[in-house]
PDB file of N, CA and C in Angstrom:
ATOM      1  N   MET A   1     -19.669 102.823 -76.867  1.00  0.00           N
ATOM      2  CA  MET A   1     -19.307 102.383 -75.538  1.00  0.00           C
ATOM      3  C   MET A   1     -19.763 100.938 -75.300  1.00  0.00           C
ATOM      4  N   ASP A   2     -20.918 100.572 -75.858  1.00  0.00           N
ATOM      5  CA  ASP A   2     -21.391  99.197 -75.701  1.00  0.00           C
ATOM      6  C   ASP A   2     -20.418  98.203 -76.318  1.00  0.00           C
ATOM      7  N   ASP A   3     -19.832  98.570 -77.467  1.00  0.00           N
ATOM      8  CA  ASP A   3     -18.847  97.700 -78.111  1.00  0.00           C
ATOM      9  C   ASP A   3     -17.626  97.514 -77.220  1.00  0.00           C
ATOM     10  N   TRP A   4     -17.218  98.594 -76.544  1.00  0.00           N
ATOM     11  CA  TRP A   4     -16.063  98.520 -75.641  1.00  0.00           C
ATOM     12  C   TRP A   4     -16.332  97.534 -74.505  1.00  0.00           C
ATOM     13  N   PHE A   5     -17.506  97.654 -73.878  1.00  0.00           N
ATOM     14  CA  PHE A   5     -17.841  96.767 -72.773  1.00  0.00           C
ATOM     15  C   PHE A   5     -17.948  95.314 -73.234  1.00  0.00           C
ATOM     16  N   LYS A   6     -18.487  95.091 -74.434  1.00  0.00           N
ATOM     17  CA  LYS A   6     -18.596  93.737 -74.961  1.00  0.00           C
ATOM     18  C   LYS A   6     -17.205  93.146 -75.205  1.00  0.00           C
ATOM     19  N   ALA A   7     -16.315  93.933 -75.821  1.00  0.00           N
ATOM     20  CA  ALA A   7     -14.952  93.461 -76.082  1.00  0.00           C
ATOM     21  C   ALA A   7     -14.220  93.174 -74.780  1.00  0.00           C
ATOM     22  N   GLU A   8     -14.388  94.048 -73.787  1.00  0.00           N
ATOM     23  CA  GLU A   8     -13.733  93.837 -72.495  1.00  0.00           C
ATOM     24  C   GLU A   8     -14.229  92.560 -71.834  1.00  0.00           C
ATOM     25  N   SER A   9     -15.529  92.310 -71.906  1.00  0.00           N
ATOM     26  CA  SER A   9     -16.072  91.107 -71.270  1.00  0.00           C
ATOM     27  C   SER A   9     -15.606  89.833 -71.963  1.00  0.00           C
ATOM     28  N   GLU A  10     -15.278  89.917 -73.252  1.00  0.00           N
ATOM     29  CA  GLU A  10     -14.775  88.753 -73.968  1.00  0.00           C
ATOM     30  C   GLU A  10     -13.310  88.474 -73.643  1.00  0.00           C
ATOM     31  N   LEU A  11     -12.555  89.504 -73.296  1.00  0.00           N
ATOM     32  CA  LEU A  11     -11.127  89.351 -72.997  1.00  0.00           C
ATOM     33  C   LEU A  11     -10.850  89.103 -71.522  1.00  0.00           C
ATOM     34  N   LEU A  12     -11.585  89.758 -70.654  1.00  0.00           N
ATOM     35  CA  LEU A  12     -11.340  89.672 -69.213  1.00  0.00           C
ATOM     36  C   LEU A  12     -12.450  88.892 -68.539  1.00  0.00           C
ATOM     37  N   ARG A  13     -12.048  87.963 -67.687  1.00  0.00           N
ATOM     38  CA  ARG A  13     -13.019  87.172 -66.946  1.00  0.00           C
ATOM     39  C   ARG A  13     -13.636  88.024 -65.842  1.00  0.00           C
ATOM     40  N   PRO A  14     -14.938  87.919 -65.610  1.00  0.00           N
ATOM     41  CA  PRO A  14     -15.557  88.704 -64.538  1.00  0.00           C
ATOM     42  C   PRO A  14     -15.074  88.248 -63.162  1.00  0.00           C
ATOM     43  N   VAL A  15     -14.996  89.197 -62.245  1.00  0.00           N
ATOM     44  CA  VAL A  15     -14.573  88.910 -60.878  1.00  0.00           C
ATOM     45  C   VAL A  15     -15.724  89.286 -59.943  1.00  0.00           C
ATOM     46  N   PRO A  16     -16.430  88.286 -59.407  1.00  0.00           N
ATOM     47  CA  PRO A  16     -17.505  88.603 -58.473  1.00  0.00           C
ATOM     48  C   PRO A  16     -16.927  89.116 -57.156  1.00  0.00           C
ATOM     49  N   VAL A  17     -17.514  90.199 -56.638  1.00  0.00           N
ATOM     50  CA  VAL A  17     -17.013  90.840 -55.421  1.00  0.00           C
ATOM     51  C   VAL A  17     -18.155  91.022 -54.434  1.00  0.00           C
ATOM     52  N   THR A  18     -17.871  90.734 -53.158  1.00  0.00           N
ATOM     53  CA  THR A  18     -18.814  90.983 -52.069  1.00  0.00           C
ATOM     54  C   THR A  18     -18.135  91.917 -51.074  1.00  0.00           C
ATOM     55  N   ILE A  19     -18.819  93.013 -50.728  1.00  0.00           N
ATOM     56  CA  ILE A  19     -18.276  93.977 -49.766  1.00  0.00           C
ATOM     57  C   ILE A  19     -19.186  94.018 -48.550  1.00  0.00           C
ATOM     58  N   SER A  20     -18.610  93.852 -47.364  1.00  0.00           N
ATOM     59  CA  SER A  20     -19.362  94.032 -46.124  1.00  0.00           C
ATOM     60  C   SER A  20     -18.648  95.093 -45.297  1.00  0.00           C
ATOM     61  N   GLU A  21     -19.438  95.867 -44.601  1.00  0.00           N
ATOM     62  CA  GLU A  21     -18.906  97.018 -43.876  1.00  0.00           C
ATOM     63  C   GLU A  21     -19.253  96.911 -42.398  1.00  0.00           C
ATOM     64  N   SER A  22     -18.243  97.132 -41.567  1.00  0.00           N
ATOM     65  CA  SER A  22     -18.465  97.208 -40.127  1.00  0.00           C
ATOM     66  C   SER A  22     -18.115  98.621 -39.701  1.00  0.00           C
ATOM     67  N   GLY A  23     -18.182  98.896 -38.424  1.00  0.00           N
ATOM     68  CA  GLY A  23     -17.876 100.239 -37.943  1.00  0.00           C
ATOM     69  C   GLY A  23     -16.455 100.680 -38.221  1.00  0.00           C
ATOM     70  N   GLU A  24     -15.511  99.741 -38.214  1.00  0.00           N
ATOM     71  CA  GLU A  24     -14.091 100.073 -38.334  1.00  0.00           C
ATOM     72  C   GLU A  24     -13.452  99.703 -39.666  1.00  0.00           C
ATOM     73  N   ALA A  25     -14.049  98.745 -40.396  1.00  0.00           N
ATOM     74  CA  ALA A  25     -13.356  98.224 -41.570  1.00  0.00           C
ATOM     75  C   ALA A  25     -14.316  97.784 -42.673  1.00  0.00           C
ATOM     76  N   LEU A  26     -13.734  97.552 -43.833  1.00  0.00           N
ATOM     77  CA  LEU A  26     -14.433  96.947 -44.966  1.00  0.00           C
ATOM     78  C   LEU A  26     -13.840  95.563 -45.173  1.00  0.00           C
ATOM     79  N   GLN A  27     -14.695  94.574 -45.350  1.00  0.00           N
ATOM     80  CA  GLN A  27     -14.269  93.212 -45.663  1.00  0.00           C
ATOM     81  C   GLN A  27     -14.695  92.944 -47.102  1.00  0.00           C
ATOM     82  N   ILE A  28     -13.754  92.531 -47.934  1.00  0.00           N
ATOM     83  CA  ILE A  28     -14.039  92.310 -49.341  1.00  0.00           C
ATOM     84  C   ILE A  28     -13.620  90.900 -49.704  1.00  0.00           C
ATOM     85  N   GLU A  29     -14.505  90.195 -50.404  1.00  0.00           N
ATOM     86  CA  GLU A  29     -14.190  88.873 -50.924  1.00  0.00           C
ATOM     87  C   GLU A  29     -14.361  88.909 -52.434  1.00  0.00           C
ATOM     88  N   ALA A  30     -13.373  88.391 -53.156  1.00  0.00           N
ATOM     89  CA  ALA A  30     -13.416  88.349 -54.611  1.00  0.00           C
ATOM     90  C   ALA A  30     -13.086  86.938 -55.079  1.00  0.00           C
ATOM     91  N   GLY A  31     -13.884  86.419 -55.988  1.00  0.00           N
ATOM     92  CA  GLY A  31     -13.649  85.089 -56.538  1.00  0.00           C
ATOM     93  C   GLY A  31     -12.615  85.129 -57.653  1.00  0.00           C
ATOM     94  N   VAL A  32     -11.470  84.505 -57.410  1.00  0.00           N
ATOM     95  CA  VAL A  32     -10.379  84.466 -58.392  1.00  0.00           C
ATOM     96  C   VAL A  32      -9.870  83.032 -58.569  1.00  0.00           C
ATOM     97  N   PRO A  33     -10.760  82.082 -58.900  1.00  0.00           N
ATOM     98  CA  PRO A  33     -10.317  80.689 -59.020  1.00  0.00           C
ATOM     99  C   PRO A  33      -9.289  80.520 -60.131  1.00  0.00           C
ATOM    100  N   GLY A  34      -8.291  79.678 -59.867  1.00  0.00           N
ATOM    101  CA  GLY A  34      -7.256  79.407 -60.845  1.00  0.00           C
ATOM    102  C   GLY A  34      -6.045  80.312 -60.737  1.00  0.00           C
ATOM    103  N   PHE A  35      -6.129  81.351 -59.924  1.00  0.00           N
ATOM    104  CA  PHE A  35      -5.012  82.280 -59.749  1.00  0.00           C
ATOM    105  C   PHE A  35      -4.339  82.004 -58.416  1.00  0.00           C
ATOM    106  N   ASP A  36      -3.011  82.196 -58.369  1.00  0.00           N
ATOM    107  CA  ASP A  36      -2.316  82.092 -57.091  1.00  0.00           C
ATOM    108  C   ASP A  36      -1.752  83.463 -56.724  1.00  0.00           C
ATOM    109  N   VAL A  37      -1.101  83.561 -55.582  1.00  0.00           N
ATOM    110  CA  VAL A  37      -0.646  84.862 -55.069  1.00  0.00           C
ATOM    111  C   VAL A  37       0.302  85.572 -56.018  1.00  0.00           C
ATOM    112  N   ASN A  38       1.087  84.820 -56.787  1.00  0.00           N
ATOM    113  CA  ASN A  38       2.033  85.435 -57.710  1.00  0.00           C
ATOM    114  C   ASN A  38       1.370  85.982 -58.972  1.00  0.00           C
ATOM    115  N   ASP A  39       0.149  85.536 -59.252  1.00  0.00           N
ATOM    116  CA  ASP A  39      -0.575  85.981 -60.447  1.00  0.00           C
ATOM    117  C   ASP A  39      -1.373  87.254 -60.207  1.00  0.00           C
ATOM    118  N   LEU A  40      -1.597  87.606 -58.943  1.00  0.00           N
ATOM    119  CA  LEU A  40      -2.509  88.702 -58.603  1.00  0.00           C
ATOM    120  C   LEU A  40      -1.776  89.976 -58.204  1.00  0.00           C
ATOM    121  N   GLU A  41      -2.417  91.103 -58.504  1.00  0.00           N
ATOM    122  CA  GLU A  41      -1.935  92.397 -58.035  1.00  0.00           C
ATOM    123  C   GLU A  41      -3.139  93.153 -57.479  1.00  0.00           C
ATOM    124  N   VAL A  42      -2.986  93.639 -56.250  1.00  0.00           N
ATOM    125  CA  VAL A  42      -4.051  94.375 -55.579  1.00  0.00           C
ATOM    126  C   VAL A  42      -3.521  95.754 -55.217  1.00  0.00           C
ATOM    127  N   ASN A  43      -4.255  96.798 -55.622  1.00  0.00           N
ATOM    128  CA  ASN A  43      -3.874  98.171 -55.315  1.00  0.00           C
ATOM    129  C   ASN A  43      -5.044  98.895 -54.679  1.00  0.00           C
ATOM    130  N   VAL A  44      -4.736  99.724 -53.695  1.00  0.00           N
ATOM    131  CA  VAL A  44      -5.747 100.524 -53.014  1.00  0.00           C
ATOM    132  C   VAL A  44      -5.341 101.981 -53.098  1.00  0.00           C
ATOM    133  N   GLU A  45      -6.313 102.818 -53.407  1.00  0.00           N
ATOM    134  CA  GLU A  45      -6.067 104.260 -53.481  1.00  0.00           C
ATOM    135  C   GLU A  45      -7.319 104.975 -52.995  1.00  0.00           C
ATOM    136  N   GLY A  46      -7.229 105.592 -51.818  1.00  0.00           N
ATOM    137  CA  GLY A  46      -8.364 106.352 -51.283  1.00  0.00           C
ATOM    138  C   GLY A  46      -9.623 105.522 -51.181  1.00  0.00           C
ATOM    139  N   GLN A  47     -10.554 105.735 -52.106  1.00  0.00           N
ATOM    140  CA  GLN A  47     -11.814 104.995 -52.113  1.00  0.00           C
ATOM    141  C   GLN A  47     -11.913 104.067 -53.316  1.00  0.00           C
ATOM    142  N   ARG A  48     -10.784 103.592 -53.812  1.00  0.00           N
ATOM    143  CA  ARG A  48     -10.795 102.719 -54.986  1.00  0.00           C
ATOM    144  C   ARG A  48      -9.891 101.512 -54.762  1.00  0.00           C
ATOM    145  N   LEU A  49     -10.417 100.349 -55.144  1.00  0.00           N
ATOM    146  CA  LEU A  49      -9.694  99.083 -55.060  1.00  0.00           C
ATOM    147  C   LEU A  49      -9.563  98.521 -56.473  1.00  0.00           C
ATOM    148  N   THR A  50      -8.365  98.095 -56.841  1.00  0.00           N
ATOM    149  CA  THR A  50      -8.133  97.481 -58.147  1.00  0.00           C
ATOM    150  C   THR A  50      -7.540  96.094 -57.945  1.00  0.00           C
ATOM    151  N   ILE A  51      -8.206  95.098 -58.524  1.00  0.00           N
ATOM    152  CA  ILE A  51      -7.730  93.720 -58.481  1.00  0.00           C
ATOM    153  C   ILE A  51      -7.441  93.316 -59.923  1.00  0.00           C
ATOM    154  N   SER A  52      -6.204  92.921 -60.178  1.00  0.00           N
ATOM    155  CA  SER A  52      -5.855  92.470 -61.525  1.00  0.00           C
ATOM    156  C   SER A  52      -5.031  91.198 -61.425  1.00  0.00           C
ATOM    157  N   GLY A  53      -5.076  90.427 -62.484  1.00  0.00           N
ATOM    158  CA  GLY A  53      -4.312  89.194 -62.495  1.00  0.00           C
ATOM    159  C   GLY A  53      -4.114  88.691 -63.904  1.00  0.00           C
ATOM    160  N   LYS A  54      -3.021  87.990 -64.083  1.00  0.00           N
ATOM    161  CA  LYS A  54      -2.720  87.405 -65.387  1.00  0.00           C
ATOM    162  C   LYS A  54      -2.033  86.068 -65.162  1.00  0.00           C
ATOM    163  N   LYS A  55      -2.547  85.065 -65.852  1.00  0.00           N
ATOM    164  CA  LYS A  55      -1.979  83.732 -65.747  1.00  0.00           C
ATOM    165  C   LYS A  55      -1.829  83.184 -67.164  1.00  0.00           C
ATOM    166  N   GLU A  56      -0.625  82.765 -67.488  1.00  0.00           N
ATOM    167  CA  GLU A  56      -0.363  82.196 -68.804  1.00  0.00           C
ATOM    168  C   GLU A  56       0.050  80.744 -68.637  1.00  0.00           C
ATOM    169  N   THR A  57      -0.501  79.900 -69.490  1.00  0.00           N
ATOM    170  CA  THR A  57      -0.156  78.493 -69.456  1.00  0.00           C
ATOM    171  C   THR A  57       0.254  78.057 -70.863  1.00  0.00           C
ATOM    172  N   SER A  58       1.125  77.095 -70.899  1.00  0.00           N
ATOM    173  CA  SER A  58       1.607  76.569 -72.166  1.00  0.00           C
ATOM    174  C   SER A  58       1.666  75.050 -72.064  1.00  0.00           C
ATOM    175  N   GLU A  59       1.232  74.394 -73.119  1.00  0.00           N
ATOM    176  CA  GLU A  59       1.214  72.939 -73.129  1.00  0.00           C
ATOM    177  C   GLU A  59       1.789  72.464 -74.461  1.00  0.00           C
ATOM    178  N   GLU A  60       2.709  71.519 -74.395  1.00  0.00           N
ATOM    179  CA  GLU A  60       3.309  70.991 -75.616  1.00  0.00           C
ATOM    180  C   GLU A  60       3.294  69.477 -75.560  1.00  0.00           C
ATOM    181  N   LYS A  61       2.818  68.863 -76.645  1.00  0.00           N
ATOM    182  CA  LYS A  61       2.782  67.400 -76.738  1.00  0.00           C
ATOM    183  C   LYS A  61       3.519  66.983 -78.003  1.00  0.00           C
ATOM    184  N   LYS A  62       4.374  65.997 -77.850  1.00  0.00           N
ATOM    185  CA  LYS A  62       5.104  65.458 -78.999  1.00  0.00           C
ATOM    186  C   LYS A  62       4.676  64.017 -79.225  1.00  0.00           C
ATOM    187  N   ASN A  63       4.402  63.728 -80.485  1.00  0.00           N
ATOM    188  CA  ASN A  63       4.022  62.379 -80.865  1.00  0.00           C
ATOM    189  C   ASN A  63       4.790  62.044 -82.136  1.00  0.00           C
ATOM    190  N   GLY A  64       5.911  61.413 -81.981  1.00  0.00           N
ATOM    191  CA  GLY A  64       6.761  61.119 -83.133  1.00  0.00           C
ATOM    192  C   GLY A  64       7.352  62.412 -83.673  1.00  0.00           C
ATOM    193  N   THR A  65       7.047  62.728 -84.924  1.00  0.00           N
ATOM    194  CA  THR A  65       7.554  63.964 -85.525  1.00  0.00           C
ATOM    195  C   THR A  65       6.560  65.104 -85.420  1.00  0.00           C
ATOM    196  N   SER A  66       5.362  64.817 -84.933  1.00  0.00           N
ATOM    197  CA  SER A  66       4.335  65.859 -84.793  1.00  0.00           C
ATOM    198  C   SER A  66       4.467  66.554 -83.447  1.00  0.00           C
ATOM    199  N   VAL A  67       4.265  67.854 -83.457  1.00  0.00           N
ATOM    200  CA  VAL A  67       4.301  68.641 -82.223  1.00  0.00           C
ATOM    201  C   VAL A  67       3.008  69.435 -82.131  1.00  0.00           C
ATOM    202  N   TYR A  68       2.369  69.336 -80.989  1.00  0.00           N
ATOM    203  CA  TYR A  68       1.154  70.097 -80.727  1.00  0.00           C
ATOM    204  C   TYR A  68       1.458  71.036 -79.567  1.00  0.00           C
ATOM    205  N   LYS A  69       1.271  72.336 -79.797  1.00  0.00           N
ATOM    206  CA  LYS A  69       1.565  73.310 -78.752  1.00  0.00           C
ATOM    207  C   LYS A  69       0.381  74.262 -78.613  1.00  0.00           C
ATOM    208  N   GLU A  70      -0.015  74.491 -77.372  1.00  0.00           N
ATOM    209  CA  GLU A  70      -1.132  75.390 -77.099  1.00  0.00           C
ATOM    210  C   GLU A  70      -0.742  76.340 -75.982  1.00  0.00           C
ATOM    211  N   GLN A  71      -1.066  77.611 -76.159  1.00  0.00           N
ATOM    212  CA  GLN A  71      -0.810  78.621 -75.132  1.00  0.00           C
ATOM    213  C   GLN A  71      -2.112  79.334 -74.821  1.00  0.00           C
ATOM    214  N   ARG A  72      -2.305  79.600 -73.535  1.00  0.00           N
ATOM    215  CA  ARG A  72      -3.518  80.306 -73.107  1.00  0.00           C
ATOM    216  C   ARG A  72      -3.137  81.409 -72.137  1.00  0.00           C
ATOM    217  N   SER A  73      -3.927  82.456 -72.187  1.00  0.00           N
ATOM    218  CA  SER A  73      -3.747  83.557 -71.254  1.00  0.00           C
ATOM    219  C   SER A  73      -5.092  83.834 -70.599  1.00  0.00           C
ATOM    220  N   ASN A  74      -5.083  83.976 -69.304  1.00  0.00           N
ATOM    221  CA  ASN A  74      -6.292  84.250 -68.545  1.00  0.00           C
ATOM    222  C   ASN A  74      -6.056  85.528 -67.763  1.00  0.00           C
ATOM    223  N   GLU A  75      -6.881  86.527 -67.984  1.00  0.00           N
ATOM    224  CA  GLU A  75      -6.696  87.810 -67.317  1.00  0.00           C
ATOM    225  C   GLU A  75      -7.977  88.247 -66.619  1.00  0.00           C
ATOM    226  N   ILE A  76      -7.784  88.915 -65.478  1.00  0.00           N
ATOM    227  CA  ILE A  76      -8.913  89.497 -64.762  1.00  0.00           C
ATOM    228  C   ILE A  76      -8.581  90.947 -64.430  1.00  0.00           C
ATOM    229  N   LEU A  77      -9.626  91.743 -64.317  1.00  0.00           N
ATOM    230  CA  LEU A  77      -9.485  93.129 -63.876  1.00  0.00           C
ATOM    231  C   LEU A  77     -10.801  93.548 -63.264  1.00  0.00           C
ATOM    232  N   ARG A  78     -10.714  94.070 -62.075  1.00  0.00           N
ATOM    233  CA  ARG A  78     -11.915  94.593 -61.410  1.00  0.00           C
ATOM    234  C   ARG A  78     -11.526  95.842 -60.645  1.00  0.00           C
ATOM    235  N   VAL A  79     -12.239  96.928 -60.909  1.00  0.00           N
ATOM    236  CA  VAL A  79     -12.042  98.179 -60.188  1.00  0.00           C
ATOM    237  C   VAL A  79     -13.318  98.426 -59.404  1.00  0.00           C
ATOM    238  N   VAL A  80     -13.165  98.632 -58.095  1.00  0.00           N
ATOM    239  CA  VAL A  80     -14.314  98.802 -57.212  1.00  0.00           C
ATOM    240  C   VAL A  80     -14.198 100.141 -56.506  1.00  0.00           C
ATOM    241  N   ASN A  81     -15.258 100.937 -56.591  1.00  0.00           N
ATOM    242  CA  ASN A  81     -15.332 102.164 -55.801  1.00  0.00           C
ATOM    243  C   ASN A  81     -15.838 101.779 -54.418  1.00  0.00           C
ATOM    244  N   LEU A  82     -15.064 102.103 -53.407  1.00  0.00           N
ATOM    245  CA  LEU A  82     -15.383 101.716 -52.035  1.00  0.00           C
ATOM    246  C   LEU A  82     -16.352 102.709 -51.407  1.00  0.00           C
ATOM    247  N   PRO A  83     -17.168 102.247 -50.451  1.00  0.00           N
ATOM    248  CA  PRO A  83     -18.158 103.133 -49.820  1.00  0.00           C
ATOM    249  C   PRO A  83     -17.562 104.181 -48.883  1.00  0.00           C
ATOM    250  N   SER A  84     -16.306 103.999 -48.486  1.00  0.00           N
ATOM    251  CA  SER A  84     -15.662 105.002 -47.636  1.00  0.00           C
ATOM    252  C   SER A  84     -14.152 104.962 -47.872  1.00  0.00           C
ATOM    253  N   ALA A  85     -13.481 106.031 -47.482  1.00  0.00           N
ATOM    254  CA  ALA A  85     -12.024 106.094 -47.618  1.00  0.00           C
ATOM    255  C   ALA A  85     -11.393 105.089 -46.658  1.00  0.00           C
ATOM    256  N   VAL A  86     -10.243 104.549 -47.054  1.00  0.00           N
ATOM    257  CA  VAL A  86      -9.563 103.558 -46.218  1.00  0.00           C
ATOM    258  C   VAL A  86      -8.126 103.971 -45.973  1.00  0.00           C
ATOM    259  N   ASP A  87      -7.573 103.442 -44.901  1.00  0.00           N
ATOM    260  CA  ASP A  87      -6.166 103.651 -44.562  1.00  0.00           C
ATOM    261  C   ASP A  87      -5.361 102.647 -45.368  1.00  0.00           C
ATOM    262  N   THR A  88      -4.745 103.097 -46.441  1.00  0.00           N
ATOM    263  CA  THR A  88      -4.055 102.195 -47.362  1.00  0.00           C
ATOM    264  C   THR A  88      -2.877 101.475 -46.706  1.00  0.00           C
ATOM    265  N   ALA A  89      -2.288 102.059 -45.694  1.00  0.00           N
ATOM    266  CA  ALA A  89      -1.128 101.449 -45.030  1.00  0.00           C
ATOM    267  C   ALA A  89      -1.521 100.220 -44.220  1.00  0.00           C
ATOM    268  N   LYS A  90      -2.795 100.090 -43.845  1.00  0.00           N
ATOM    269  CA  LYS A  90      -3.234  98.967 -43.018  1.00  0.00           C
ATOM    270  C   LYS A  90      -3.967  97.892 -43.804  1.00  0.00           C
ATOM    271  N   ALA A  91      -3.964  97.964 -45.122  1.00  0.00           N
ATOM    272  CA  ALA A  91      -4.681  96.994 -45.945  1.00  0.00           C
ATOM    273  C   ALA A  91      -3.985  95.630 -45.911  1.00  0.00           C
ATOM    274  N   THR A  92      -4.787  94.566 -45.776  1.00  0.00           N
ATOM    275  CA  THR A  92      -4.249  93.207 -45.800  1.00  0.00           C
ATOM    276  C   THR A  92      -5.048  92.372 -46.799  1.00  0.00           C
ATOM    277  N   ALA A  93      -4.380  91.370 -47.388  1.00  0.00           N
ATOM    278  CA  ALA A  93      -5.035  90.502 -48.365  1.00  0.00           C
ATOM    279  C   ALA A  93      -4.535  89.081 -48.209  1.00  0.00           C
ATOM    280  N   GLY A  94      -5.463  88.135 -48.283  1.00  0.00           N
ATOM    281  CA  GLY A  94      -5.114  86.727 -48.214  1.00  0.00           C
ATOM    282  C   GLY A  94      -5.880  85.940 -49.265  1.00  0.00           C
ATOM    283  N   LEU A  95      -5.264  84.893 -49.780  1.00  0.00           N
ATOM    284  CA  LEU A  95      -5.874  84.063 -50.812  1.00  0.00           C
ATOM    285  C   LEU A  95      -5.959  82.632 -50.318  1.00  0.00           C
ATOM    286  N   LYS A  96      -7.172  82.063 -50.389  1.00  0.00           N
ATOM    287  CA  LYS A  96      -7.372  80.678 -49.983  1.00  0.00           C
ATOM    288  C   LYS A  96      -8.480  80.079 -50.833  1.00  0.00           C
ATOM    289  N   ASN A  97      -8.184  78.945 -51.463  1.00  0.00           N
ATOM    290  CA  ASN A  97      -9.168  78.215 -52.266  1.00  0.00           C
ATOM    291  C   ASN A  97      -9.859  79.083 -53.313  1.00  0.00           C
ATOM    292  N   GLY A  98      -9.109  79.936 -53.976  1.00  0.00           N
ATOM    293  CA  GLY A  98      -9.665  80.755 -55.045  1.00  0.00           C
ATOM    294  C   GLY A  98     -10.466  81.960 -54.595  1.00  0.00           C
ATOM    295  N   VAL A  99     -10.430  82.259 -53.307  1.00  0.00           N
ATOM    296  CA  VAL A  99     -11.143  83.425 -52.774  1.00  0.00           C
ATOM    297  C   VAL A  99     -10.126  84.390 -52.183  1.00  0.00           C
ATOM    298  N   LEU A 100     -10.122  85.609 -52.711  1.00  0.00           N
ATOM    299  CA  LEU A 100      -9.254  86.674 -52.214  1.00  0.00           C
ATOM    300  C   LEU A 100     -10.032  87.436 -51.146  1.00  0.00           C
ATOM    301  N   ARG A 101      -9.462  87.523 -49.929  1.00  0.00           N
ATOM    302  CA  ARG A 101     -10.122  88.231 -48.825  1.00  0.00           C
ATOM    303  C   ARG A 101      -9.259  89.423 -48.427  1.00  0.00           C
ATOM    304  N   LEU A 102      -9.883  90.596 -48.446  1.00  0.00           N
ATOM    305  CA  LEU A 102      -9.184  91.822 -48.080  1.00  0.00           C
ATOM    306  C   LEU A 102      -9.841  92.443 -46.867  1.00  0.00           C
ATOM    307  N   THR A 103      -9.014  93.012 -46.002  1.00  0.00           N
ATOM    308  CA  THR A 103      -9.496  93.797 -44.877  1.00  0.00           C
ATOM    309  C   THR A 103      -8.920  95.189 -45.037  1.00  0.00           C
ATOM    310  N   LEU A 104      -9.800  96.173 -45.129  1.00  0.00           N
ATOM    311  CA  LEU A 104      -9.399  97.563 -45.304  1.00  0.00           C
ATOM    312  C   LEU A 104      -9.956  98.382 -44.145  1.00  0.00           C
ATOM    313  N   THR A 105      -9.050  98.959 -43.351  1.00  0.00           N
ATOM    314  CA  THR A 105      -9.452  99.767 -42.213  1.00  0.00           C
ATOM    315  C   THR A 105      -9.929 101.133 -42.707  1.00  0.00           C
ATOM    316  N   LYS A 106     -11.060 101.558 -42.207  1.00  0.00           N
ATOM    317  CA  LYS A 106     -11.585 102.869 -42.608  1.00  0.00           C
ATOM    318  C   LYS A 106     -10.696 103.979 -42.072  1.00  0.00           C
ATOM    319  N   GLY A 107     -10.628 105.064 -42.798  1.00  0.00           N
ATOM    320  CA  GLY A 107      -9.833 106.213 -42.380  1.00  0.00           C
ATOM    321  C   GLY A 107      -8.993 106.716 -43.527  1.00  0.00           C
ATOM    322  N   ILE A 108      -8.379 107.875 -43.329  1.00  0.00           N
ATOM    323  CA  ILE A 108      -7.551 108.449 -44.390  1.00  0.00           C
ATOM    324  C   ILE A 108      -6.136 108.710 -43.891  1.00  0.00           C
ATOM    325  N   LYS A 109      -5.672 107.908 -42.932  1.00  0.00           N
ATOM    326  CA  LYS A 109      -4.357 108.118 -42.338  1.00  0.00           C
ATOM    327  C   LYS A 109      -3.217 107.593 -43.201  1.00  0.00           C
ATOM    328  N   GLY A 110      -3.533 106.786 -44.194  1.00  0.00           N
ATOM    329  CA  GLY A 110      -2.497 106.212 -45.043  1.00  0.00           C
ATOM    330  C   GLY A 110      -1.865 107.252 -45.940  1.00  0.00           C
ATOM    331  N   LYS A 111      -0.800 106.874 -46.579  1.00  0.00           N
ATOM    332  CA  LYS A 111      -0.116 107.797 -47.461  1.00  0.00           C
ATOM    333  C   LYS A 111      -0.970 108.090 -48.693  1.00  0.00           C
ATOM    334  N   VAL A 112      -0.733 109.237 -49.279  1.00  0.00           N
ATOM    335  CA  VAL A 112      -1.469 109.637 -50.467  1.00  0.00           C
ATOM    336  C   VAL A 112      -0.899 108.884 -51.664  1.00  0.00           C
ATOM    337  N   GLY A 113      -1.753 108.464 -52.564  1.00  0.00           N
ATOM    338  CA  GLY A 113      -1.312 107.732 -53.742  1.00  0.00           C
ATOM    339  C   GLY A 113      -1.769 106.290 -53.678  1.00  0.00           C
ATOM    340  N   THR A 114      -1.311 105.518 -54.619  1.00  0.00           N
ATOM    341  CA  THR A 114      -1.701 104.119 -54.723  1.00  0.00           C
ATOM    342  C   THR A 114      -0.757 103.244 -53.909  1.00  0.00           C
ATOM    343  N   THR A 115      -1.329 102.308 -53.163  1.00  0.00           N
ATOM    344  CA  THR A 115      -0.551 101.383 -52.366  1.00  0.00           C
ATOM    345  C   THR A 115      -0.785  99.977 -52.875  1.00  0.00           C
ATOM    346  N   LYS A 116       0.305  99.270 -53.176  1.00  0.00           N
ATOM    347  CA  LYS A 116       0.206  97.880 -53.590  1.00  0.00           C
ATOM    348  C   LYS A 116       0.102  97.019 -52.332  1.00  0.00           C
ATOM    349  N   VAL A 117      -0.907  96.157 -52.293  1.00  0.00           N
ATOM    350  CA  VAL A 117      -1.144  95.285 -51.148  1.00  0.00           C
ATOM    351  C   VAL A 117      -0.573  93.919 -51.459  1.00  0.00           C
ATOM    352  N   GLU A 118       0.279  93.407 -50.573  1.00  0.00           N
ATOM    353  CA  GLU A 118       0.854  92.083 -50.761  1.00  0.00           C
ATOM    354  C   GLU A 118      -0.209  91.027 -50.468  1.00  0.00           C
ATOM    355  N   VAL A 119      -0.404  90.121 -51.406  1.00  0.00           N
ATOM    356  CA  VAL A 119      -1.356  89.035 -51.223  1.00  0.00           C
ATOM    357  C   VAL A 119      -0.606  87.843 -50.659  1.00  0.00           C
ATOM    358  N   LYS A 120      -1.126  87.310 -49.547  1.00  0.00           N
ATOM    359  CA  LYS A 120      -0.483  86.170 -48.891  1.00  0.00           C
ATOM    360  C   LYS A 120      -1.373  84.950 -49.020  1.00  0.00           C
ATOM    361  N   SER A 121      -0.757  83.808 -49.125  1.00  0.00           N
ATOM    362  CA  SER A 121      -1.484  82.546 -49.149  1.00  0.00           C
ATOM    363  C   SER A 121      -1.870  82.202 -47.722  1.00  0.00           C
ATOM    364  N   VAL A 122      -3.127  81.849 -47.495  1.00  0.00           N
ATOM    365  CA  VAL A 122      -3.597  81.562 -46.150  1.00  0.00           C
ATOM    366  C   VAL A 122      -3.913  80.100 -45.998  1.00  0.00           C
TER     367      VAL A 122
END
């Protein structure tokens, strides 16, 4: 299992997460620098939040007959067990300056199953 965690940490960039809880909602901030709204996918299911993202870049330089090409892939994945059940239908997400901010209303009134949350640029 230690080998699995080591391999995962080498492939996926860590995503720091801060969770604050009020009487009615959970506020979550996740650091995702370098990603934009189209690169991210946020899913909420009951008491679980999944943040994933993939960004691929390609660079090509030509100098006479020589060609230099480089491709990079940057991926993130973070699964967070939430301290309480949330209403998945009321989940909101915004991205500003590399910080993803989510507001999750407490409760279980949302539909059963996984709900994809649209991330908006703020």
